[in-house]
Amino acid sequence: MDSKEIANRRLTLDDLAHYDEAAEVEFWYAREIQGFLGYKEWRNFETAIDRAVASINTTKRPGEHHFVMVNKMVDLGSGSKRKIKDYKLTRYACYLIAMNGDPRKEEIAFAQSYFALKTRKQELIEERMLAISRIAARDGLTEAERVFSANMYERGVDRTGIGRIRSKGDRALFGGHSTASMKKRIGIRESAPLADHLPAVTIAAKQLATELTNHNIDERDLYGEKSITVEHVQNNEGVRDLLGKRGIKPEDLPAEEDVKKLRRKVDGDKRKLERESKGFPSEE
């Protein structure tokens, strides 16, 4: 997405905002931002709203102050009118809905950036979108590796064997460089997880290779360290070949900021939003 498109999206979001004079609250109508968040059908968007309401109800911030159900009359083709359900959403409510979406989707990543940052300079939006995308990629790899470890353990591989298989997979992906040598190569401390400092494309590559191994372990009923090692190495070699065809050598890509630090920044934006977001007053 180029800067012009980001600017256009920002203006569109600003144009969709409303202001409740009585409550002195900026808000959005759910049906007006539904498409902008990447939802084609109302029922799916309402499910995301329900998840956001459940999320806020686990905190000390009452959901009814941020999600206000309203009824609208809409014109039908026959000239008659029909009542439909809608919601008035505060900035914080919109952010929670976006958080329940897939941050790898362009619409969701942009919305998270927009609603989390009150000062929306284009470069900050772009940086935050990249951070959210990289965090999501890292979380995906973490889950794939968790399943991988469980699969190996259930199929007769002990802890040290699991470590050996992972290491050989890294060597295959990184052109012969071990996990330890890759840490030295990109200049991170020995105790730091390598994946926390890899660029998103390499994280995604590691996840793809791991997911392929997870699939084939079950599909081919693999058992033991030897057979799983062969499978995992082949999958990492295959992913490396794919990257190579696009001119990418994973071992040559520089380290990026620690994902843990990025996560703290994103969470800090969220806490700031929670402090500053004003909800609709109670009717009591």
C-alpha atoms as a PDB file:
ATOM      1  CA  MET A   1       0.000   0.000   0.000  1.00  0.00           C
ATOM      2  CA  ASP A   2       1.509   3.341  -1.045  1.00  0.00           C
ATOM      3  CA  SER A   3       1.385   6.628   0.865  1.00  0.00           C
ATOM      4  CA  LYS A   4      -1.375   8.033  -1.346  1.00  0.00           C
ATOM      5  CA  GLU A   5      -3.640   5.068  -0.646  1.00  0.00           C
ATOM      6  CA  ILE A   6      -2.938   5.330   3.092  1.00  0.00           C
ATOM      7  CA  ALA A   7      -3.841   9.014   3.015  1.00  0.00           C
ATOM      8  CA  ASN A   8      -7.069   8.270   1.153  1.00  0.00           C
ATOM      9  CA  ARG A   9      -8.012   5.590   3.671  1.00  0.00           C
ATOM     10  CA  ARG A  10      -7.315   7.944   6.537  1.00  0.00           C
ATOM     11  CA  LEU A  11      -9.632  10.577   5.071  1.00  0.00           C
ATOM     12  CA  THR A  12     -12.335   7.971   4.503  1.00  0.00           C
ATOM     13  CA  LEU A  13     -12.185   6.857   8.132  1.00  0.00           C
ATOM     14  CA  ASP A  14     -12.311  10.462   9.296  1.00  0.00           C
ATOM     15  CA  ASP A  15     -15.315  11.086   7.066  1.00  0.00           C
ATOM     16  CA  LEU A  16     -17.163   8.117   8.601  1.00  0.00           C
ATOM     17  CA  ALA A  17     -16.885   9.481  12.149  1.00  0.00           C
ATOM     18  CA  HIS A  18     -19.892  11.090  13.865  1.00  0.00           C
ATOM     19  CA  TYR A  19     -20.173  13.154  17.007  1.00  0.00           C
ATOM     20  CA  ASP A  20     -22.790  12.788  19.728  1.00  0.00           C
ATOM     21  CA  GLU A  21     -23.281  16.332  21.000  1.00  0.00           C
ATOM     22  CA  ALA A  22     -25.167  15.292  24.119  1.00  0.00           C
ATOM     23  CA  ALA A  23     -22.634  12.670  25.188  1.00  0.00           C
ATOM     24  CA  GLU A  24     -19.653  14.594  23.761  1.00  0.00           C
ATOM     25  CA  VAL A  25     -18.392  11.362  22.230  1.00  0.00           C
ATOM     26  CA  GLU A  26     -16.935  10.655  18.797  1.00  0.00           C
ATOM     27  CA  PHE A  27     -18.485   7.496  17.353  1.00  0.00           C
ATOM     28  CA  TRP A  28     -18.946   5.329  14.271  1.00  0.00           C
ATOM     29  CA  TYR A  29     -21.972   3.404  12.998  1.00  0.00           C
ATOM     30  CA  ALA A  30     -21.177  -0.290  12.691  1.00  0.00           C
ATOM     31  CA  ARG A  31     -22.871  -0.695   9.317  1.00  0.00           C
ATOM     32  CA  GLU A  32     -20.898   2.237   7.912  1.00  0.00           C
ATOM     33  CA  ILE A  33     -17.498   0.806   8.839  1.00  0.00           C
ATOM     34  CA  GLN A  34     -18.371  -2.848   8.180  1.00  0.00           C
ATOM     35  CA  GLY A  35     -17.001  -2.868   4.643  1.00  0.00           C
ATOM     36  CA  PHE A  36     -13.998  -0.805   5.576  1.00  0.00           C
ATOM     37  CA  LEU A  37     -12.933  -3.482   8.050  1.00  0.00           C
ATOM     38  CA  GLY A  38     -13.151  -6.143   5.349  1.00  0.00           C
ATOM     39  CA  TYR A  39     -16.520  -7.703   6.245  1.00  0.00           C
ATOM     40  CA  LYS A  40     -18.910  -8.330   3.357  1.00  0.00           C
ATOM     41  CA  GLU A  41     -21.767  -9.759   5.385  1.00  0.00           C
ATOM     42  CA  TRP A  42     -23.427  -8.149   8.408  1.00  0.00           C
ATOM     43  CA  ARG A  43     -23.810 -11.449  10.263  1.00  0.00           C
ATOM     44  CA  ASN A  44     -20.033 -11.985  10.215  1.00  0.00           C
ATOM     45  CA  PHE A  45     -19.379  -8.434  11.340  1.00  0.00           C
ATOM     46  CA  GLU A  46     -21.908  -8.765  14.155  1.00  0.00           C
ATOM     47  CA  THR A  47     -20.039 -11.876  15.318  1.00  0.00           C
ATOM     48  CA  ALA A  48     -16.865  -9.766  15.521  1.00  0.00           C
ATOM     49  CA  ILE A  49     -18.824  -7.157  17.499  1.00  0.00           C
ATOM     50  CA  ASP A  50     -20.035  -9.849  19.912  1.00  0.00           C
ATOM     51  CA  ARG A  51     -16.436 -11.008  20.446  1.00  0.00           C
ATOM     52  CA  ALA A  52     -15.358  -7.433  21.134  1.00  0.00           C
ATOM     53  CA  VAL A  53     -18.210  -6.981  23.642  1.00  0.00           C
ATOM     54  CA  ALA A  54     -17.199 -10.212  25.393  1.00  0.00           C
ATOM     55  CA  SER A  55     -13.617  -8.956  25.482  1.00  0.00           C
ATOM     56  CA  ILE A  56     -14.477  -5.643  27.097  1.00  0.00           C
ATOM     57  CA  ASN A  57     -16.825  -7.309  29.588  1.00  0.00           C
ATOM     58  CA  THR A  58     -13.832  -9.131  31.086  1.00  0.00           C
ATOM     59  CA  THR A  59     -12.437  -5.737  32.135  1.00  0.00           C
ATOM     60  CA  LYS A  60     -13.771  -3.024  34.416  1.00  0.00           C
ATOM     61  CA  ARG A  61     -15.005  -0.990  31.428  1.00  0.00           C
ATOM     62  CA  PRO A  62     -18.745  -1.670  30.881  1.00  0.00           C
ATOM     63  CA  GLY A  63     -19.430  -2.706  27.299  1.00  0.00           C
ATOM     64  CA  GLU A  64     -22.690  -0.772  27.097  1.00  0.00           C
ATOM     65  CA  HIS A  65     -20.696   2.468  27.343  1.00  0.00           C
ATOM     66  CA  HIS A  66     -18.917   1.652  24.080  1.00  0.00           C
ATOM     67  CA  PHE A  67     -21.389  -0.491  22.120  1.00  0.00           C
ATOM     68  CA  VAL A  68     -24.843   1.089  21.918  1.00  0.00           C
ATOM     69  CA  MET A  69     -27.454  -0.813  19.906  1.00  0.00           C
ATOM     70  CA  VAL A  70     -29.723   1.377  17.788  1.00  0.00           C
ATOM     71  CA  ASN A  71     -32.462   0.719  15.244  1.00  0.00           C
ATOM     72  CA  LYS A  72     -32.528   2.361  11.837  1.00  0.00           C
ATOM     73  CA  MET A  73     -35.226   2.648   9.210  1.00  0.00           C
ATOM     74  CA  VAL A  74     -33.997   1.875   5.699  1.00  0.00           C
ATOM     75  CA  ASP A  75     -35.750   2.328   2.378  1.00  0.00           C
ATOM     76  CA  LEU A  76     -36.661  -0.816   0.438  1.00  0.00           C
ATOM     77  CA  GLY A  77     -36.946  -1.038  -3.338  1.00  0.00           C
ATOM     78  CA  SER A  78     -40.746  -1.134  -3.123  1.00  0.00           C
ATOM     79  CA  GLY A  79     -40.841   2.272  -1.459  1.00  0.00           C
ATOM     80  CA  SER A  80     -41.568   0.809   1.975  1.00  0.00           C
ATOM     81  CA  LYS A  81     -39.245   0.978   4.973  1.00  0.00           C
ATOM     82  CA  ARG A  82     -37.742  -1.672   7.224  1.00  0.00           C
ATOM     83  CA  LYS A  83     -36.155  -1.477  10.645  1.00  0.00           C
ATOM     84  CA  ILE A  84     -32.594  -2.847  10.918  1.00  0.00           C
ATOM     85  CA  LYS A  85     -30.215  -3.205  13.852  1.00  0.00           C
ATOM     86  CA  ASP A  86     -27.044  -1.124  14.059  1.00  0.00           C
ATOM     87  CA  TYR A  87     -24.539  -0.062  16.716  1.00  0.00           C
ATOM     88  CA  LYS A  88     -23.007   3.223  17.743  1.00  0.00           C
ATOM     89  CA  LEU A  89     -19.354   2.440  18.452  1.00  0.00           C
ATOM     90  CA  THR A  90     -16.794   4.508  20.306  1.00  0.00           C
ATOM     91  CA  ARG A  91     -13.203   4.706  19.125  1.00  0.00           C
ATOM     92  CA  TYR A  92     -12.290   2.048  21.689  1.00  0.00           C
ATOM     93  CA  ALA A  93     -15.097  -0.241  20.499  1.00  0.00           C
ATOM     94  CA  CYS A  94     -13.879   0.054  16.911  1.00  0.00           C
ATOM     95  CA  TYR A  95     -10.373  -0.794  18.036  1.00  0.00           C
ATOM     96  CA  LEU A  96     -11.580  -3.885  19.912  1.00  0.00           C
ATOM     97  CA  ILE A  97     -13.476  -5.070  16.832  1.00  0.00           C
ATOM     98  CA  ALA A  98     -10.367  -4.609  14.729  1.00  0.00           C
ATOM     99  CA  MET A  99      -8.332  -6.541  17.311  1.00  0.00           C
ATOM    100  CA  ASN A 100     -10.685  -9.498  16.806  1.00  0.00           C
ATOM    101  CA  GLY A 101      -9.875  -9.552  13.104  1.00  0.00           C
ATOM    102  CA  ASP A 102      -6.916 -11.040  11.275  1.00  0.00           C
ATOM    103  CA  PRO A 103      -4.081  -8.463  11.448  1.00  0.00           C
ATOM    104  CA  ARG A 104      -2.561  -9.933   8.301  1.00  0.00           C
ATOM    105  CA  LYS A 105      -5.545  -8.487   6.434  1.00  0.00           C
ATOM    106  CA  GLU A 106      -4.724  -5.040   5.113  1.00  0.00           C
ATOM    107  CA  GLU A 107      -8.030  -3.526   6.293  1.00  0.00           C
ATOM    108  CA  ILE A 108      -7.614  -4.818   9.838  1.00  0.00           C
ATOM    109  CA  ALA A 109      -3.969  -3.778  10.160  1.00  0.00           C
ATOM    110  CA  PHE A 110      -4.804  -0.283   8.979  1.00  0.00           C
ATOM    111  CA  ALA A 111      -7.815  -0.014  11.315  1.00  0.00           C
ATOM    112  CA  GLN A 112      -5.741  -1.099  14.304  1.00  0.00           C
ATOM    113  CA  SER A 113      -3.236   1.592  13.460  1.00  0.00           C
ATOM    114  CA  TYR A 114      -5.870   4.245  12.905  1.00  0.00           C
ATOM    115  CA  PHE A 115      -7.819   3.678  16.085  1.00  0.00           C
ATOM    116  CA  ALA A 116      -4.760   3.162  18.278  1.00  0.00           C
ATOM    117  CA  LEU A 117      -2.918   6.307  17.286  1.00  0.00           C
ATOM    118  CA  LYS A 118      -4.425   9.736  17.842  1.00  0.00           C
ATOM    119  CA  THR A 119      -1.557  11.329  15.937  1.00  0.00           C
ATOM    120  CA  ARG A 120      -1.776   9.566  12.618  1.00  0.00           C
ATOM    121  CA  LYS A 121       1.289  10.578  10.619  1.00  0.00           C
ATOM    122  CA  GLN A 122       1.608   8.362   7.586  1.00  0.00           C
ATOM    123  CA  GLU A 123       5.020   7.022   8.539  1.00  0.00           C
ATOM    124  CA  LEU A 124       3.722   6.003  11.982  1.00  0.00           C
ATOM    125  CA  ILE A 125       0.793   4.183  10.432  1.00  0.00           C
ATOM    126  CA  GLU A 126       3.081   2.301   8.086  1.00  0.00           C
ATOM    127  CA  GLU A 127       5.484   1.384  10.899  1.00  0.00           C
ATOM    128  CA  ARG A 128       2.678   0.180  13.130  1.00  0.00           C
ATOM    129  CA  MET A 129       1.095  -1.885  10.363  1.00  0.00           C
ATOM    130  CA  LEU A 130       4.427  -3.622   9.760  1.00  0.00           C
ATOM    131  CA  ALA A 131       4.845  -4.223  13.498  1.00  0.00           C
ATOM    132  CA  ILE A 132       1.370  -5.740  13.843  1.00  0.00           C
ATOM    133  CA  SER A 133       1.947  -7.934  10.797  1.00  0.00           C
ATOM    134  CA  ARG A 134       5.289  -9.167  12.132  1.00  0.00           C
ATOM    135  CA  ILE A 135       3.848  -9.892  15.581  1.00  0.00           C
ATOM    136  CA  ALA A 136       1.036 -11.881  13.948  1.00  0.00           C
ATOM    137  CA  ALA A 137       3.566 -13.846  11.897  1.00  0.00           C
ATOM    138  CA  ARG A 138       5.618 -14.605  15.020  1.00  0.00           C
ATOM    139  CA  ASP A 139       2.513 -15.793  16.873  1.00  0.00           C
ATOM    140  CA  GLY A 140       1.670 -18.058  13.945  1.00  0.00           C
ATOM    141  CA  LEU A 141       5.147 -19.587  14.036  1.00  0.00           C
ATOM    142  CA  THR A 142       4.948 -20.071  17.808  1.00  0.00           C
ATOM    143  CA  GLU A 143       1.715 -22.027  17.460  1.00  0.00           C
ATOM    144  CA  ALA A 144       3.052 -24.136  14.568  1.00  0.00           C
ATOM    145  CA  GLU A 145       6.171 -24.972  16.590  1.00  0.00           C
ATOM    146  CA  ARG A 146       4.076 -25.857  19.639  1.00  0.00           C
ATOM    147  CA  VAL A 147       2.108 -28.366  17.569  1.00  0.00           C
ATOM    148  CA  PHE A 148       5.366 -29.633  16.016  1.00  0.00           C
ATOM    149  CA  SER A 149       6.908 -30.320  19.416  1.00  0.00           C
ATOM    150  CA  ALA A 150       3.774 -32.122  20.589  1.00  0.00           C
ATOM    151  CA  ASN A 151       3.684 -34.220  17.419  1.00  0.00           C
ATOM    152  CA  MET A 152       7.321 -35.237  17.777  1.00  0.00           C
ATOM    153  CA  TYR A 153       6.979 -36.089  21.460  1.00  0.00           C
ATOM    154  CA  GLU A 154       3.913 -38.264  20.766  1.00  0.00           C
ATOM    155  CA  ARG A 155       5.876 -40.069  18.060  1.00  0.00           C
ATOM    156  CA  GLY A 156       8.851 -41.137  20.105  1.00  0.00           C
ATOM    157  CA  VAL A 157      11.186 -38.124  19.930  1.00  0.00           C
ATOM    158  CA  ASP A 158      12.606 -36.920  23.245  1.00  0.00           C
ATOM    159  CA  ARG A 159      13.539 -33.334  24.139  1.00  0.00           C
ATOM    160  CA  THR A 160      17.105 -33.520  22.869  1.00  0.00           C
ATOM    161  CA  GLY A 161      15.905 -35.143  19.670  1.00  0.00           C
ATOM    162  CA  ILE A 162      13.380 -32.351  19.158  1.00  0.00           C
ATOM    163  CA  GLY A 163      16.228 -29.865  19.487  1.00  0.00           C
ATOM    164  CA  ARG A 164      18.305 -31.715  16.915  1.00  0.00           C
ATOM    165  CA  ILE A 165      15.455 -31.824  14.419  1.00  0.00           C
ATOM    166  CA  ARG A 166      14.774 -28.092  14.814  1.00  0.00           C
ATOM    167  CA  SER A 167      18.468 -27.311  14.389  1.00  0.00           C
ATOM    168  CA  LYS A 168      18.759 -29.379  11.209  1.00  0.00           C
ATOM    169  CA  GLY A 169      15.669 -27.660   9.851  1.00  0.00           C
ATOM    170  CA  ASP A 170      17.291 -24.261  10.448  1.00  0.00           C
ATOM    171  CA  ARG A 171      20.484 -25.393   8.689  1.00  0.00           C
ATOM    172  CA  ALA A 172      18.434 -26.405   5.670  1.00  0.00           C
ATOM    173  CA  LEU A 173      16.572 -23.093   5.570  1.00  0.00           C
ATOM    174  CA  PHE A 174      19.625 -20.907   6.199  1.00  0.00           C
ATOM    175  CA  GLY A 175      21.976 -22.494   3.680  1.00  0.00           C
ATOM    176  CA  GLY A 176      24.027 -24.539   6.154  1.00  0.00           C
ATOM    177  CA  HIS A 177      24.053 -22.012   8.989  1.00  0.00           C
ATOM    178  CA  SER A 178      22.977 -23.396  12.354  1.00  0.00           C
ATOM    179  CA  THR A 179      20.704 -21.521  14.742  1.00  0.00           C
ATOM    180  CA  ALA A 180      23.723 -20.448  16.808  1.00  0.00           C
ATOM    181  CA  SER A 181      25.731 -19.299  13.799  1.00  0.00           C
ATOM    182  CA  MET A 182      22.738 -17.347  12.482  1.00  0.00           C
ATOM    183  CA  LYS A 183      22.558 -15.476  15.783  1.00  0.00           C
ATOM    184  CA  LYS A 184      26.209 -14.498  15.413  1.00  0.00           C
ATOM    185  CA  ARG A 185      25.716 -13.672  11.753  1.00  0.00           C
ATOM    186  CA  ILE A 186      22.906 -11.162  12.398  1.00  0.00           C
ATOM    187  CA  GLY A 187      24.368  -9.878  15.662  1.00  0.00           C
ATOM    188  CA  ILE A 188      21.966 -10.938  18.382  1.00  0.00           C
ATOM    189  CA  ARG A 189      22.797 -12.372  21.795  1.00  0.00           C
ATOM    190  CA  GLU A 190      23.089 -16.115  22.168  1.00  0.00           C
ATOM    191  CA  SER A 191      20.208 -16.396  24.648  1.00  0.00           C
ATOM    192  CA  ALA A 192      17.741 -14.515  22.421  1.00  0.00           C
ATOM    193  CA  PRO A 193      15.241 -16.540  20.351  1.00  0.00           C
ATOM    194  CA  LEU A 194      16.336 -16.284  16.721  1.00  0.00           C
ATOM    195  CA  ALA A 195      12.783 -15.967  15.389  1.00  0.00           C
ATOM    196  CA  ASP A 196      12.160 -12.852  17.516  1.00  0.00           C
ATOM    197  CA  HIS A 197      14.706 -10.974  15.383  1.00  0.00           C
ATOM    198  CA  LEU A 198      13.906 -12.361  11.943  1.00  0.00           C
ATOM    199  CA  PRO A 199      12.085 -10.334   9.277  1.00  0.00           C
ATOM    200  CA  ALA A 200       8.465 -11.269   8.579  1.00  0.00           C
ATOM    201  CA  VAL A 201       9.302 -13.102   5.353  1.00  0.00           C
ATOM    202  CA  THR A 202      11.721 -15.442   7.145  1.00  0.00           C
ATOM    203  CA  ILE A 203       9.292 -16.021  10.011  1.00  0.00           C
ATOM    204  CA  ALA A 204       6.640 -16.932   7.451  1.00  0.00           C
ATOM    205  CA  ALA A 205       9.101 -19.266   5.720  1.00  0.00           C
ATOM    206  CA  LYS A 206       9.869 -21.075   8.985  1.00  0.00           C
ATOM    207  CA  GLN A 207       6.164 -21.394   9.710  1.00  0.00           C
ATOM    208  CA  LEU A 208       5.404 -22.794   6.256  1.00  0.00           C
ATOM    209  CA  ALA A 209       8.138 -25.428   6.559  1.00  0.00           C
ATOM    210  CA  THR A 210       6.906 -26.376  10.029  1.00  0.00           C
ATOM    211  CA  GLU A 211       3.264 -26.569   8.939  1.00  0.00           C
ATOM    212  CA  LEU A 212       4.257 -28.810   6.036  1.00  0.00           C
ATOM    213  CA  THR A 213       6.098 -31.109   8.425  1.00  0.00           C
ATOM    214  CA  ASN A 214       3.133 -31.162  10.830  1.00  0.00           C
ATOM    215  CA  HIS A 215       0.835 -32.104   7.960  1.00  0.00           C
ATOM    216  CA  ASN A 216       3.047 -34.875   6.631  1.00  0.00           C
ATOM    217  CA  ILE A 217       3.750 -36.335  10.060  1.00  0.00           C
ATOM    218  CA  ASP A 218       0.045 -37.114  10.299  1.00  0.00           C
ATOM    219  CA  GLU A 219      -0.534 -37.816   6.609  1.00  0.00           C
ATOM    220  CA  ARG A 220       2.375 -40.257   6.313  1.00  0.00           C
ATOM    221  CA  ASP A 221       2.211 -41.509   9.906  1.00  0.00           C
ATOM    222  CA  LEU A 222       5.880 -40.730  10.524  1.00  0.00           C
ATOM    223  CA  TYR A 223       7.491 -42.033  13.690  1.00  0.00           C
ATOM    224  CA  GLY A 224      10.884 -41.492  15.292  1.00  0.00           C
ATOM    225  CA  GLU A 225      13.637 -38.940  15.005  1.00  0.00           C
ATOM    226  CA  LYS A 226      15.135 -40.194  11.745  1.00  0.00           C
ATOM    227  CA  SER A 227      12.005 -40.092   9.580  1.00  0.00           C
ATOM    228  CA  ILE A 228      10.788 -36.780  11.004  1.00  0.00           C
ATOM    229  CA  THR A 229      14.243 -35.235  10.521  1.00  0.00           C
ATOM    230  CA  VAL A 230      14.266 -36.213   6.846  1.00  0.00           C
ATOM    231  CA  GLU A 231      10.805 -34.747   6.371  1.00  0.00           C
ATOM    232  CA  HIS A 232      11.586 -31.493   8.168  1.00  0.00           C
ATOM    233  CA  VAL A 233      14.879 -30.947   6.356  1.00  0.00           C
ATOM    234  CA  GLN A 234      13.230 -31.575   2.980  1.00  0.00           C
ATOM    235  CA  ASN A 235      10.470 -29.078   3.745  1.00  0.00           C
ATOM    236  CA  ASN A 236      12.950 -26.406   4.811  1.00  0.00           C
ATOM    237  CA  GLU A 237      15.016 -27.028   1.693  1.00  0.00           C
ATOM    238  CA  GLY A 238      11.878 -26.718  -0.422  1.00  0.00           C
ATOM    239  CA  VAL A 239      10.916 -23.401   1.189  1.00  0.00           C
ATOM    240  CA  ARG A 240      14.482 -22.162   0.749  1.00  0.00           C
ATOM    241  CA  ASP A 241      14.335 -23.036  -2.948  1.00  0.00           C
ATOM    242  CA  LEU A 242      11.079 -21.112  -3.264  1.00  0.00           C
ATOM    243  CA  LEU A 243      12.627 -18.042  -1.649  1.00  0.00           C
ATOM    244  CA  GLY A 244      15.691 -18.391  -3.854  1.00  0.00           C
ATOM    245  CA  LYS A 245      13.540 -18.200  -6.972  1.00  0.00           C
ATOM    246  CA  ARG A 246      12.410 -14.778  -5.744  1.00  0.00           C
ATOM    247  CA  GLY A 247      15.984 -13.682  -5.107  1.00  0.00           C
ATOM    248  CA  ILE A 248      15.809 -14.088  -1.323  1.00  0.00           C
ATOM    249  CA  LYS A 249      18.509 -15.731   0.792  1.00  0.00           C
ATOM    250  CA  PRO A 250      17.239 -15.937   4.397  1.00  0.00           C
ATOM    251  CA  GLU A 251      20.749 -15.951   5.867  1.00  0.00           C
ATOM    252  CA  ASP A 252      21.559 -12.616   4.197  1.00  0.00           C
ATOM    253  CA  LEU A 253      18.582 -10.682   5.548  1.00  0.00           C
ATOM    254  CA  PRO A 254      19.447  -8.331   8.453  1.00  0.00           C
ATOM    255  CA  ALA A 255      18.027  -8.668  11.933  1.00  0.00           C
ATOM    256  CA  GLU A 256      14.965  -6.618  12.840  1.00  0.00           C
ATOM    257  CA  GLU A 257      13.737  -5.184  16.115  1.00  0.00           C
ATOM    258  CA  ASP A 258      12.934  -7.710  18.827  1.00  0.00           C
ATOM    259  CA  VAL A 259       9.297  -8.811  18.477  1.00  0.00           C
ATOM    260  CA  LYS A 260       8.941  -8.558  22.261  1.00  0.00           C
ATOM    261  CA  LYS A 261       9.765  -4.841  22.080  1.00  0.00           C
ATOM    262  CA  LEU A 262       7.313  -4.367  19.215  1.00  0.00           C
ATOM    263  CA  ARG A 263       4.628  -6.121  21.235  1.00  0.00           C
ATOM    264  CA  ARG A 264       5.231  -3.799  24.190  1.00  0.00           C
ATOM    265  CA  LYS A 265       4.887  -0.794  21.901  1.00  0.00           C
ATOM    266  CA  VAL A 266       1.625  -2.069  20.437  1.00  0.00           C
ATOM    267  CA  ASP A 267       0.282  -2.939  23.904  1.00  0.00           C
ATOM    268  CA  GLY A 268       1.327   0.511  25.123  1.00  0.00           C
ATOM    269  CA  ASP A 269      -0.735   2.104  22.373  1.00  0.00           C
ATOM    270  CA  LYS A 270      -3.686  -0.034  23.435  1.00  0.00           C
ATOM    271  CA  ARG A 271      -3.382   0.989  27.109  1.00  0.00           C
ATOM    272  CA  LYS A 272      -3.135   4.638  26.068  1.00  0.00           C
ATOM    273  CA  LEU A 273      -6.277   4.228  24.009  1.00  0.00           C
ATOM    274  CA  GLU A 274      -8.083   2.619  26.948  1.00  0.00           C
ATOM    275  CA  ARG A 275      -7.153   5.552  29.212  1.00  0.00           C
ATOM    276  CA  GLU A 276      -8.144   8.217  26.732  1.00  0.00           C
ATOM    277  CA  SER A 277     -11.232   6.657  25.149  1.00  0.00           C
ATOM    278  CA  LYS A 278     -14.471   8.134  26.414  1.00  0.00           C
ATOM    279  CA  GLY A 279     -17.610   6.007  26.402  1.00  0.00           C
ATOM    280  CA  PHE A 280     -21.289   6.884  26.156  1.00  0.00           C
ATOM    281  CA  PRO A 281     -22.690   7.870  29.579  1.00  0.00           C
ATOM    282  CA  SER A 282     -24.941   5.455  31.428  1.00  0.00           C
ATOM    283  CA  GLU A 283     -28.669   6.053  31.044  1.00  0.00           C
ATOM    284  CA  GLU A 284     -29.208   5.465  34.759  1.00  0.00           C
END
